[in-house]
């Protein structure tokens, strides 16, 4: 069963709508949590200084990929800590300008 690491800058309540959308999207592609995919969560509870340690913890676990919602700080923490894991991120800003990827057409690395 694939395992997804979910690195979140906040707590579950403020991210409830994103979590629902994430679970719905997984379901639309045939992945049902507990049936054929598992998710390990790390919550920073608004303490962004915790993100690097939480990302490193996920990277050390047996996760197949890391989901990093919530903007550049989350994506950058995952990128710095998880060179051997695939990272999927979302953000409203420009990921090239924010230093998350090299370019949109060729992001580079594992992100």
Protein backbone atom coordinates (compact mmCIF):
# COMPACT_ATOMS: atom_id res chain seq x y z
CA UNK A 1 0.00 0.00 0.00
CA UNK A 2 1.45 3.41 -0.94
CA UNK A 3 2.07 5.82 1.92
CA UNK A 4 1.74 9.58 1.48
CA UNK A 5 3.43 11.99 3.86
CA UNK A 6 1.36 15.15 4.36
CA UNK A 7 3.31 18.15 5.67
CA UNK A 8 1.01 20.95 6.78
CA UNK A 9 1.91 24.38 8.17
CA UNK A 10 -1.26 24.65 10.23
CA UNK A 11 -3.54 22.32 12.21
CA UNK A 12 -6.30 20.13 10.76
CA UNK A 13 -9.16 22.59 11.40
CA UNK A 14 -7.91 25.50 9.21
CA UNK A 15 -6.97 22.98 6.50
CA UNK A 16 -10.26 21.04 6.60
CA UNK A 17 -11.42 22.16 3.15
CA UNK A 18 -8.02 21.39 1.60
CA UNK A 19 -7.95 18.00 3.29
CA UNK A 20 -11.41 17.21 1.97
CA UNK A 21 -10.39 18.24 -1.54
CA UNK A 22 -7.22 16.15 -1.25
CA UNK A 23 -9.14 13.08 -0.09
CA UNK A 24 -11.80 13.63 -2.76
CA UNK A 25 -9.09 13.90 -5.43
CA UNK A 26 -7.46 10.71 -4.24
CA UNK A 27 -10.85 9.00 -4.35
CA UNK A 28 -11.48 10.19 -7.90
CA UNK A 29 -8.28 8.44 -8.97
CA UNK A 30 -9.17 5.24 -7.13
CA UNK A 31 -7.20 5.77 -3.91
CA UNK A 32 -9.20 5.28 -0.72
CA UNK A 33 -7.48 6.04 2.59
CA UNK A 34 -7.27 2.88 4.66
CA UNK A 35 -8.11 0.63 1.73
CA UNK A 36 -5.29 1.13 -0.78
CA UNK A 37 -3.36 4.19 0.43
CA UNK A 38 -2.20 5.44 3.83
CA UNK A 39 -1.43 8.99 4.89
CA UNK A 40 0.99 10.05 7.61
CA UNK A 41 0.38 13.62 8.74
CA UNK A 42 2.75 16.18 10.22
CA UNK A 43 1.12 19.36 11.53
CA UNK A 44 3.15 22.50 12.33
CA UNK A 45 0.16 24.17 14.07
CA UNK A 46 1.14 27.56 12.67
CA UNK A 47 4.72 27.27 13.93
CA UNK A 48 6.59 27.50 10.65
CA UNK A 49 9.94 26.99 12.41
CA UNK A 50 8.87 23.37 12.94
CA UNK A 51 8.52 22.66 9.21
CA UNK A 52 12.15 21.55 8.53
CA UNK A 53 12.10 19.04 11.41
CA UNK A 54 8.65 17.76 10.47
CA UNK A 55 9.73 17.40 6.83
CA UNK A 56 12.87 15.52 7.90
CA UNK A 57 10.74 13.20 10.02
CA UNK A 58 8.52 12.40 7.04
CA UNK A 59 11.55 11.89 4.81
CA UNK A 60 12.96 9.39 7.31
CA UNK A 61 9.72 7.39 7.30
CA UNK A 62 8.72 4.91 4.65
CA UNK A 63 6.55 7.37 2.68
CA UNK A 64 6.38 7.16 -1.09
CA UNK A 65 5.87 10.88 -1.60
CA UNK A 66 5.37 14.05 0.38
CA UNK A 67 2.47 16.43 -0.18
CA UNK A 68 3.37 20.00 0.80
CA UNK A 69 0.32 22.29 0.70
CA UNK A 70 0.35 25.80 2.05
CA UNK A 71 2.90 27.77 0.11
CA UNK A 72 6.61 28.23 -0.37
CA UNK A 73 7.75 27.67 3.25
CA UNK A 74 6.24 24.18 3.25
CA UNK A 75 7.54 23.27 -0.21
CA UNK A 76 11.03 24.58 0.60
CA UNK A 77 11.16 22.67 3.90
CA UNK A 78 10.17 19.46 2.12
CA UNK A 79 12.63 20.10 -0.70
CA UNK A 80 15.52 20.69 1.71
CA UNK A 81 14.76 17.63 3.84
CA UNK A 82 13.60 15.04 1.35
CA UNK A 83 16.00 14.79 -1.59
CA UNK A 84 15.07 11.14 -2.12
CA UNK A 85 11.27 11.55 -2.00
CA UNK A 86 8.89 12.88 -4.62
CA UNK A 87 7.31 16.15 -3.44
CA UNK A 88 3.97 17.49 -4.65
CA UNK A 89 3.23 21.08 -3.66
CA UNK A 90 0.65 23.80 -4.23
CA UNK A 91 0.97 27.53 -3.81
CA UNK A 92 -0.54 30.76 -5.00
CA UNK A 93 2.78 32.49 -5.69
CA UNK A 94 5.33 31.99 -8.44
CA UNK A 95 7.37 28.87 -7.51
CA UNK A 96 10.25 29.95 -9.78
CA UNK A 97 10.50 33.40 -8.21
CA UNK A 98 10.21 31.90 -4.72
CA UNK A 99 13.07 29.46 -5.39
CA UNK A 100 11.00 26.28 -5.17
CA UNK A 101 11.66 25.10 -8.74
CA UNK A 102 14.13 25.99 -11.50
CA UNK A 103 11.38 26.51 -14.09
CA UNK A 104 7.79 25.49 -14.67
CA UNK A 105 8.61 23.35 -17.69
CA UNK A 106 11.62 21.69 -16.03
CA UNK A 107 11.24 21.99 -12.26
CA UNK A 108 14.35 19.95 -11.55
CA UNK A 109 15.09 17.60 -8.71
CA UNK A 110 12.31 15.74 -7.00
CA UNK A 111 9.71 18.48 -6.72
